Amino acid sequence: MNAMPTRPRQQAGGDRGRPHVALIIETSVVYGRQILRGISRYLRTHGAWSVFLDERELRAPPPEWLSHWRGEGVICRSTTPEWASIFRRWRLPVVDLNDLYLDLGLPRVGSDMPAIGRMGAEHLRERGFRHLAFCGFSGETWSEQRREGFVEAAQGLVTPGSTYESAWSGLRQHPWQEERDRIAQWLQSLPRPAGIMACNDVRAQHVLDACRHVGAAVPDEIAVVGVDNAETFCELCNPPLSSVVPNAERIGFEAAALLDRLMTGGKPPARSLLVEPLAVVTRQSSDVFAVEDALVARAVRLIRERACQGIKVSGLIGEMHCSRSILERRFREHLGRSPQAEIREVQIRRVKQLLADTDWTLPRIAESAGIEHPEYLSVVFKRHTGQTPGQYRQASRPAGRSSDA
């Protein structure tokens, strides 16, 4: 854009009192479509807008019509420093959803990128991996932040040389085989078994392709987890790809709520609103337990199968045909925790899922998670997460959705 657009005359009251709002959000990928779903949910319960929306690709610049558009507000995913300056000059209420620039001086809602990285690392650590690695894109703020969270949560399990990054733009500038060969060479340098987090599902597919190229068995030698959980894409991967699920729908809901406040004269928040991811959807690419001790590996599989059916350590010992002291010692040696702690960890993950995805009461959740006494659920959940079940449920979904917890 060569010339600075002049601020179009604001349209009074919109269409029959409805504000005119432009949604500059990509419809080509699942993340953008989920953001739009969250905006739609907000509008169903808080009043409609007159919405301007066109079919868009990721990173497409704002449409030319925006420079002469008359309206009351904008939610924009493709905000650039130039457009942020234009929006500020216009004094137009705008909510910024971009992932490339950290501070454009606009109210912003986005994914908590370090939290996404931490969730990926915790997923791989829970599966017993002691060598972790990250594959991302250089020069991409969102990828770099995910890497930082991953390394933080890996707690020293990422060694020098365990990160591979190259430019996203470079994928279109040279043959794919060249990039695959570079990733393959990097994979050959990693100790095995290794757990790898990729910055998104596309990058994870690159890693899986390179694994096939070098003959690395997935997930037994190399486990892979991506980000975004684009279900069709993940199922098309070979093997099907595990993926961290960002809470894009809540981002859309919160962005709409914030824009509504701004359009009625509310003050912008002092900080960006960052939304934590929901969970990891486990598919074949990371569905493994990486530990050399066969007794511990079998016990962990039993725990993950039966923890939510109420299995206790005494029942586990009976299945394993070993003494409690041997099982306790070998768990602490290989996992750094007790069998009881592993049972509780599986149960808490189930509780988190049900709090986020359902409106079930706490007694019903406790029963489904294999926790015998419902009144104990709140105590143990607060001890593990630092939040009450109600606080966790509220934080994991768009504001205003009813719950029984």
Protein backbone atom coordinates (compact mmCIF):
# COMPACT_ATOMS: atom_id res chain seq x y z
CA MET A 1 0.00 0.00 0.00
CA ASN A 2 1.68 3.20 -1.16
CA ALA A 3 -0.59 5.89 0.24
CA MET A 4 -2.09 6.06 3.72
CA PRO A 5 -5.86 5.58 3.39
CA THR A 6 -8.02 8.28 4.89
CA ARG A 7 -10.42 7.28 7.64
CA PRO A 8 -13.81 6.55 6.04
CA ARG A 9 -16.83 8.28 7.56
CA GLN A 10 -18.20 6.07 10.33
CA GLN A 11 -21.66 4.81 9.63
CA ALA A 12 -24.04 5.81 12.37
CA GLY A 13 -25.65 2.90 14.09
CA GLY A 14 -24.94 0.33 11.42
CA ASP A 15 -27.81 -1.50 9.71
CA ARG A 16 -30.96 -0.88 11.76
CA GLY A 17 -28.88 -0.34 14.87
CA ARG A 18 -26.52 -3.24 14.21
CA PRO A 19 -22.83 -2.27 14.06
CA HIS A 20 -20.97 -2.99 10.83
CA VAL A 21 -17.98 -5.23 11.61
CA ALA A 22 -15.29 -6.52 9.25
CA LEU A 23 -13.85 -9.98 10.01
CA ILE A 24 -10.41 -10.23 8.38
CA ILE A 25 -9.88 -13.90 9.26
CA GLU A 26 -8.68 -16.73 7.05
CA THR A 27 -11.29 -19.31 6.11
CA SER A 28 -8.78 -21.62 4.41
CA VAL A 29 -7.52 -23.36 7.59
CA VAL A 30 -9.26 -24.95 10.54
CA TYR A 31 -7.80 -22.48 13.07
CA GLY A 32 -9.44 -19.52 11.34
CA ARG A 33 -12.73 -21.33 10.90
CA GLN A 34 -12.79 -22.18 14.61
CA ILE A 35 -12.18 -18.53 15.47
CA LEU A 36 -15.19 -17.66 13.31
CA ARG A 37 -17.21 -20.31 15.14
CA GLY A 38 -16.37 -18.63 18.45
CA ILE A 39 -17.44 -15.23 17.09
CA SER A 40 -20.69 -16.79 15.90
CA ARG A 41 -21.31 -18.27 19.34
CA TYR A 42 -20.86 -14.87 20.93
CA LEU A 43 -23.25 -13.21 18.49
CA ARG A 44 -25.95 -15.82 19.08
CA THR A 45 -26.11 -14.87 22.75
CA HIS A 46 -25.21 -11.16 22.72
CA GLY A 47 -26.84 -9.70 19.61
CA ALA A 48 -25.99 -9.74 15.92
CA TRP A 49 -23.66 -7.55 13.90
CA SER A 50 -23.78 -6.71 10.23
CA VAL A 51 -20.72 -8.74 9.26
CA PHE A 52 -18.39 -8.28 6.28
CA LEU A 53 -16.46 -11.50 5.59
CA ASP A 54 -14.76 -12.83 2.47
CA GLU A 55 -13.00 -16.09 1.61
CA ARG A 56 -9.39 -15.67 2.66
CA GLU A 57 -6.08 -17.53 2.77
CA LEU A 58 -3.67 -17.48 5.71
CA ARG A 59 -1.47 -14.35 5.57
CA ALA A 60 -3.44 -12.73 2.74
CA PRO A 61 -3.23 -8.93 3.19
CA PRO A 62 -6.31 -7.01 4.31
CA PRO A 63 -8.68 -6.54 1.35
CA GLU A 64 -8.52 -3.34 -0.68
CA TRP A 65 -12.11 -2.46 0.17
CA LEU A 66 -11.14 -1.98 3.82
CA SER A 67 -9.40 1.31 2.94
CA HIS A 68 -12.73 2.91 1.97
CA TRP A 69 -15.07 0.84 4.16
CA ARG A 70 -17.47 2.55 6.54
CA GLY A 71 -18.01 0.61 9.72
CA GLU A 72 -17.73 0.48 13.48
CA GLY A 73 -15.17 -2.27 14.19
CA VAL A 74 -12.69 -4.85 12.87
CA ILE A 75 -11.36 -8.21 14.04
CA CYS A 76 -8.17 -8.82 12.07
CA ARG A 77 -5.86 -11.87 11.85
CA SER A 78 -3.57 -10.41 9.17
CA THR A 79 -2.64 -7.20 10.99
CA THR A 80 0.72 -5.77 9.95
CA PRO A 81 2.63 -2.84 11.50
CA GLU A 82 1.44 -0.71 8.57
CA TRP A 83 -2.20 -1.59 9.07
CA ALA A 84 -1.92 -1.20 12.85
CA SER A 85 -0.74 2.36 12.23
CA ILE A 86 -3.69 2.96 9.91
CA PHE A 87 -6.19 1.58 12.42
CA ARG A 88 -4.76 3.76 15.19
CA ARG A 89 -4.92 6.84 12.95
CA TRP A 90 -8.53 6.10 12.16
CA ARG A 91 -9.32 5.58 15.88
CA LEU A 92 -11.27 2.54 14.75
CA PRO A 93 -12.08 -0.15 17.35
CA VAL A 94 -9.93 -3.11 16.33
CA VAL A 95 -9.10 -6.45 17.94
CA ASP A 96 -5.82 -7.88 16.66
CA LEU A 97 -5.47 -11.68 16.35
CA ASN A 98 -2.15 -11.84 14.48
CA ASP A 99 0.57 -14.34 15.52
CA LEU A 100 3.56 -12.71 13.78
CA TYR A 101 3.97 -9.45 15.72
CA LEU A 102 3.89 -9.33 19.51
CA ASP A 103 2.96 -5.68 20.14
CA LEU A 104 1.31 -3.55 17.49
CA GLY A 105 -0.31 -1.20 19.99
CA LEU A 106 -3.78 -2.70 19.46
CA PRO A 107 -5.99 -4.76 21.80
CA ARG A 108 -5.01 -8.35 21.11
CA VAL A 109 -6.33 -11.87 21.72
CA GLY A 110 -4.28 -14.93 20.80
CA SER A 111 -3.08 -18.40 21.66
CA ASP A 112 -0.66 -18.78 24.56
CA MET A 113 2.19 -20.03 22.39
CA PRO A 114 4.61 -20.98 25.21
CA ALA A 115 1.77 -22.96 26.84
CA ILE A 116 1.29 -24.87 23.58
CA GLY A 117 4.98 -25.76 23.60
CA ARG A 118 4.82 -26.83 27.25
CA MET A 119 1.83 -29.07 26.56
CA GLY A 120 3.69 -30.80 23.71
CA ALA A 121 6.74 -31.41 25.92
CA GLU A 122 4.63 -32.73 28.78
CA HIS A 123 2.84 -35.11 26.40
CA LEU A 124 6.16 -36.61 25.30
CA ARG A 125 7.63 -36.69 28.80
CA GLU A 126 4.55 -38.54 30.06
CA ARG A 127 5.34 -41.22 27.51
CA GLY A 128 8.74 -41.78 29.04
CA PHE A 129 10.93 -40.03 26.46
CA ARG A 130 14.23 -38.80 27.85
CA HIS A 131 15.45 -37.23 24.61
CA LEU A 132 13.23 -34.46 23.27
CA ALA A 133 13.60 -32.35 20.13
CA PHE A 134 11.76 -29.52 18.36
CA CYS A 135 11.24 -28.87 14.65
CA GLY A 136 10.02 -25.41 13.70
CA PHE A 137 10.25 -22.46 11.34
CA SER A 138 12.89 -19.77 11.77
CA GLY A 139 11.81 -16.13 11.87
CA GLU A 140 8.24 -17.03 12.87
CA THR A 141 7.31 -15.53 16.25
CA TRP A 142 4.62 -18.11 16.97
CA SER A 143 7.00 -21.01 16.23
CA GLU A 144 9.79 -19.51 18.31
CA GLN A 145 7.48 -18.99 21.28
CA ARG A 146 6.25 -22.58 21.05
CA ARG A 147 9.87 -23.73 21.00
CA GLU A 148 10.67 -21.66 24.10
CA GLY A 149 7.76 -23.19 26.03
CA PHE A 150 8.76 -26.65 24.85
CA VAL A 151 12.37 -26.27 25.99
CA GLU A 152 11.23 -24.87 29.34
CA ALA A 153 8.93 -27.82 30.04
CA ALA A 154 11.47 -30.35 28.74
CA GLN A 155 13.57 -29.66 31.86
CA GLY A 156 16.96 -30.34 30.35
CA LEU A 157 15.89 -33.15 28.03
CA VAL A 158 16.57 -31.01 24.93
CA THR A 159 20.30 -31.25 24.18
CA PRO A 160 22.39 -29.04 21.87
CA GLY A 161 21.51 -29.85 18.28
CA SER A 162 18.03 -31.06 19.18
CA THR A 163 16.31 -28.16 17.43
CA TYR A 164 15.86 -27.86 13.67
CA GLU A 165 14.45 -24.70 12.07
CA SER A 166 14.32 -23.35 8.53
CA ALA A 167 12.41 -20.55 6.84
CA TRP A 168 8.76 -21.19 6.00
CA SER A 169 9.16 -19.12 2.84
CA GLY A 170 12.06 -21.33 1.78
CA LEU A 171 9.73 -24.30 1.29
CA ARG A 172 8.46 -22.66 -1.92
CA GLN A 173 11.90 -21.57 -3.10
CA HIS A 174 13.67 -24.93 -3.43
CA PRO A 175 12.62 -28.53 -4.10
CA TRP A 176 10.90 -30.27 -1.19
CA GLN A 177 13.42 -33.13 -1.37
CA GLU A 178 16.17 -30.72 -0.27
CA GLU A 179 14.28 -29.76 2.87
CA ARG A 180 13.35 -33.39 3.57
CA ASP A 181 17.00 -34.40 3.26
CA ARG A 182 18.04 -31.70 5.74
CA ILE A 183 15.42 -32.86 8.25
CA ALA A 184 16.47 -36.47 7.66
CA GLN A 185 20.10 -35.59 8.36
CA TRP A 186 19.01 -33.87 11.58
CA LEU A 187 16.96 -36.93 12.60
CA GLN A 188 19.99 -39.16 12.10
CA SER A 189 21.90 -37.04 14.63
CA LEU A 190 19.33 -37.46 17.42
CA PRO A 191 19.63 -40.11 20.14
CA ARG A 192 16.83 -42.68 20.08
CA PRO A 193 14.17 -43.16 21.14
CA ALA A 194 13.32 -39.47 20.73
CA GLY A 195 10.13 -37.48 21.11
CA ILE A 196 9.76 -34.62 18.62
CA MET A 197 7.35 -31.71 18.78
CA ALA A 198 6.76 -29.83 15.54
CA CYS A 199 5.57 -26.23 15.57
CA ASN A 200 2.40 -27.14 13.66
CA ASP A 201 0.78 -30.08 11.89
CA VAL A 202 2.33 -29.21 8.52
CA ARG A 203 5.81 -29.26 10.03
CA ALA A 204 5.02 -32.53 11.80
CA GLN A 205 4.12 -34.08 8.45
CA HIS A 206 7.54 -32.99 7.18
CA VAL A 207 9.13 -34.86 10.10
CA LEU A 208 7.05 -37.98 9.45
CA ASP A 209 8.05 -37.94 5.78
CA ALA A 210 11.72 -37.64 6.74
CA CYS A 211 11.31 -40.53 9.21
CA ARG A 212 10.10 -42.76 6.39
CA HIS A 213 13.01 -41.58 4.25
CA VAL A 214 15.60 -42.72 6.83
CA GLY A 215 13.67 -45.83 7.92
CA ALA A 216 12.98 -44.59 11.49
CA ALA A 217 10.04 -46.43 13.07
CA VAL A 218 7.25 -44.12 14.28
CA PRO A 219 6.41 -44.05 17.16
CA ASP A 220 8.79 -46.69 18.56
CA GLU A 221 12.05 -44.92 17.61
CA ILE A 222 10.72 -41.42 17.01
CA ALA A 223 7.39 -40.12 18.31
CA VAL A 224 5.92 -36.99 16.74
CA VAL A 225 3.33 -34.47 17.90
CA GLY A 226 2.11 -31.42 15.95
CA VAL A 227 -0.14 -28.45 16.70
CA ASP A 228 -3.60 -27.37 15.45
CA ASN A 229 -5.36 -30.76 15.27
CA ALA A 230 -6.64 -30.30 11.73
CA GLU A 231 -8.40 -33.64 11.91
CA THR A 232 -8.54 -34.58 8.23
CA PHE A 233 -4.89 -33.61 7.76
CA CYS A 234 -3.82 -35.50 10.91
CA GLU A 235 -5.65 -38.65 9.83
CA LEU A 236 -4.06 -38.47 6.36
CA CYS A 237 -0.57 -38.49 7.86
CA ASN A 238 1.25 -41.82 7.98
CA PRO A 239 0.95 -42.78 10.77
CA PRO A 240 -1.97 -40.60 11.98
CA LEU A 241 -0.60 -37.55 13.76
CA SER A 242 -1.00 -36.61 17.43
CA SER A 243 -1.61 -32.90 17.85
CA VAL A 244 -1.97 -30.14 20.45
CA VAL A 245 -5.40 -28.47 20.24
CA PRO A 246 -5.38 -24.66 20.57
CA ASN A 247 -8.60 -23.15 21.91
CA ALA A 248 -9.30 -21.14 18.76
CA GLU A 249 -13.05 -21.06 19.36
CA ARG A 250 -12.54 -19.31 22.67
CA ILE A 251 -10.16 -16.84 20.99
CA GLY A 252 -12.99 -15.92 18.61
CA PHE A 253 -15.51 -15.61 21.44
CA GLU A 254 -13.23 -13.41 23.54
CA ALA A 255 -12.29 -11.27 20.53
CA ALA A 256 -15.96 -10.62 19.79
CA ALA A 257 -16.67 -9.77 23.43
CA LEU A 258 -13.72 -7.37 23.51
CA LEU A 259 -14.73 -5.65 20.27
CA ASP A 260 -18.27 -5.24 21.58
CA ARG A 261 -16.89 -3.43 24.63
CA LEU A 262 -14.62 -1.22 22.52
CA MET A 263 -17.45 -0.23 20.17
CA THR A 264 -19.54 0.93 23.14
CA GLY A 265 -16.77 3.09 24.57
CA GLY A 266 -14.99 0.59 26.81
CA LYS A 267 -11.28 0.94 27.50
CA PRO A 268 -8.84 -1.49 25.89
CA PRO A 269 -7.12 -3.95 28.25
CA ALA A 270 -3.57 -3.23 29.34
CA ARG A 271 -2.29 -6.60 28.16
CA SER A 272 -3.00 -9.13 25.46
CA LEU A 273 -5.46 -11.87 26.37
CA LEU A 274 -3.69 -15.20 25.85
CA VAL A 275 -5.78 -18.37 25.68
CA GLU A 276 -4.27 -21.69 26.79
CA PRO A 277 -4.53 -24.82 24.61
CA LEU A 278 -7.14 -27.46 25.37
CA ALA A 279 -5.36 -30.82 25.20
CA VAL A 280 -3.33 -33.20 23.06
CA VAL A 281 -5.30 -35.54 20.81
CA THR A 282 -3.24 -38.73 20.82
CA ARG A 283 -3.00 -40.69 17.61
CA GLN A 284 -0.58 -43.36 16.44
CA SER A 285 2.42 -41.03 15.91
CA SER A 286 2.97 -40.73 19.68
CA ASP A 287 0.93 -43.61 21.08
CA VAL A 288 3.85 -45.37 22.70
CA PHE A 289 5.60 -45.62 26.04
CA ALA A 290 9.36 -45.22 25.74
CA VAL A 291 11.01 -47.05 28.62
CA GLU A 292 13.43 -49.95 28.48
CA ASP A 293 12.04 -51.67 31.58
CA ALA A 294 9.39 -54.12 30.33
CA LEU A 295 7.72 -54.36 33.77
CA VAL A 296 7.28 -50.58 34.03
CA ALA A 297 6.11 -50.30 30.41
CA ARG A 298 3.44 -52.98 30.92
CA ALA A 299 2.31 -51.43 34.20
CA VAL A 300 1.94 -48.00 32.61
CA ARG A 301 -0.13 -49.45 29.77
CA LEU A 302 -2.42 -51.11 32.32
CA ILE A 303 -2.74 -47.86 34.25
CA ARG A 304 -3.69 -45.91 31.15
CA GLU A 305 -6.25 -48.55 30.21
CA ARG A 306 -7.81 -48.93 33.67
CA ALA A 307 -7.07 -45.89 35.82
CA CYS A 308 -10.46 -44.41 35.01
CA GLN A 309 -12.08 -47.72 35.92
CA GLY A 310 -10.76 -47.30 39.45
CA ILE A 311 -7.71 -49.58 39.41
CA LYS A 312 -5.61 -49.35 42.58
CA VAL A 313 -1.94 -50.14 43.16
CA SER A 314 -2.92 -53.38 44.91
CA GLY A 315 -4.81 -54.50 41.80
CA LEU A 316 -1.90 -53.47 39.61
CA ILE A 317 0.49 -55.59 41.68
CA GLY A 318 -1.82 -58.57 41.29
CA GLU A 319 -1.81 -58.13 37.51
CA MET A 320 1.97 -57.73 37.37
CA HIS A 321 2.78 -60.65 39.72
CA CYS A 322 5.48 -58.69 41.56
CA SER A 323 5.93 -57.18 45.00
CA ARG A 324 4.87 -53.62 45.80
CA SER A 325 8.44 -52.66 46.73
CA ILE A 326 9.84 -53.83 43.38
CA LEU A 327 7.15 -51.97 41.42
CA GLU A 328 7.62 -48.79 43.48
CA ARG A 329 11.40 -48.89 43.11
CA ARG A 330 11.38 -49.46 39.37
CA PHE A 331 8.74 -46.78 38.77
CA ARG A 332 10.84 -44.23 40.67
CA GLU A 333 13.97 -45.35 38.87
CA HIS A 334 12.52 -45.00 35.37
CA LEU A 335 9.73 -42.41 35.77
CA GLY A 336 10.67 -40.50 38.90
CA ARG A 337 7.23 -41.06 40.42
CA SER A 338 5.19 -43.79 42.11
CA PRO A 339 2.54 -46.07 40.56
CA GLN A 340 -0.12 -44.22 42.58
CA ALA A 341 1.07 -40.88 41.16
CA GLU A 342 0.81 -42.32 37.64
CA ILE A 343 -2.76 -43.51 38.31
CA ARG A 344 -3.71 -40.08 39.64
CA GLU A 345 -2.08 -38.33 36.65
CA VAL A 346 -4.21 -40.33 34.20
CA GLN A 347 -7.35 -39.61 36.22
CA ILE A 348 -6.63 -35.87 36.38
CA ARG A 349 -6.16 -35.73 32.59
CA ARG A 350 -9.58 -37.34 32.22
CA VAL A 351 -11.11 -34.84 34.63
CA LYS A 352 -9.60 -31.94 32.66
CA GLN A 353 -11.06 -33.31 29.42
CA LEU A 354 -14.52 -33.67 30.89
CA LEU A 355 -14.46 -30.24 32.51
CA ALA A 356 -13.51 -28.65 29.19
CA ASP A 357 -15.79 -30.67 26.91
CA THR A 358 -18.93 -31.31 28.99
CA ASP A 359 -21.27 -29.69 31.51
CA TRP A 360 -21.31 -32.80 33.70
CA THR A 361 -21.59 -32.43 37.44
CA LEU A 362 -18.56 -33.16 39.62
CA PRO A 363 -20.00 -36.45 40.96
CA ARG A 364 -20.53 -37.69 37.40
CA ILE A 365 -17.01 -36.59 36.39
CA ALA A 366 -15.51 -38.31 39.44
CA GLU A 367 -17.26 -41.55 38.54
CA SER A 368 -16.08 -41.38 34.93
CA ALA A 369 -12.50 -40.70 36.03
CA GLY A 370 -12.41 -43.59 38.50
CA ILE A 371 -12.23 -41.35 41.60
CA GLU A 372 -14.19 -43.13 44.29
CA HIS A 373 -15.25 -40.17 46.42
CA PRO A 374 -16.61 -37.11 44.57
CA GLU A 375 -15.82 -34.81 47.48
CA TYR A 376 -12.15 -35.76 47.13
CA LEU A 377 -12.08 -34.70 43.46
CA SER A 378 -11.88 -30.97 44.21
CA VAL A 379 -9.10 -31.50 46.75
CA VAL A 380 -6.88 -33.62 44.52
CA PHE A 381 -7.60 -31.50 41.43
CA LYS A 382 -6.58 -28.29 43.24
CA ARG A 383 -3.44 -30.00 44.51
CA HIS A 384 -2.43 -31.07 40.98
CA THR A 385 -3.41 -27.99 38.98
CA GLY A 386 -3.55 -25.07 41.40
CA GLN A 387 -7.17 -24.45 40.31
CA THR A 388 -10.56 -25.64 41.48
CA PRO A 389 -12.56 -27.66 38.92
CA GLY A 390 -14.85 -24.66 38.44
CA GLN A 391 -11.93 -22.34 37.76
CA TYR A 392 -10.44 -24.76 35.26
CA ARG A 393 -13.78 -25.18 33.47
CA GLN A 394 -14.26 -21.43 33.27
CA ALA A 395 -10.76 -20.89 31.88
CA SER A 396 -11.05 -23.64 29.25
CA ARG A 397 -14.15 -22.41 27.46
CA PRO A 398 -15.70 -19.19 26.21
CA ALA A 399 -17.06 -16.94 28.94
CA GLY A 400 -20.76 -17.13 29.56
CA ARG A 401 -21.23 -20.81 28.81
CA SER A 402 -23.15 -22.44 31.63
CA SER A 403 -21.68 -25.16 33.82
CA ASP A 404 -22.71 -27.22 36.77
CA ALA A 405 -19.27 -27.43 38.45
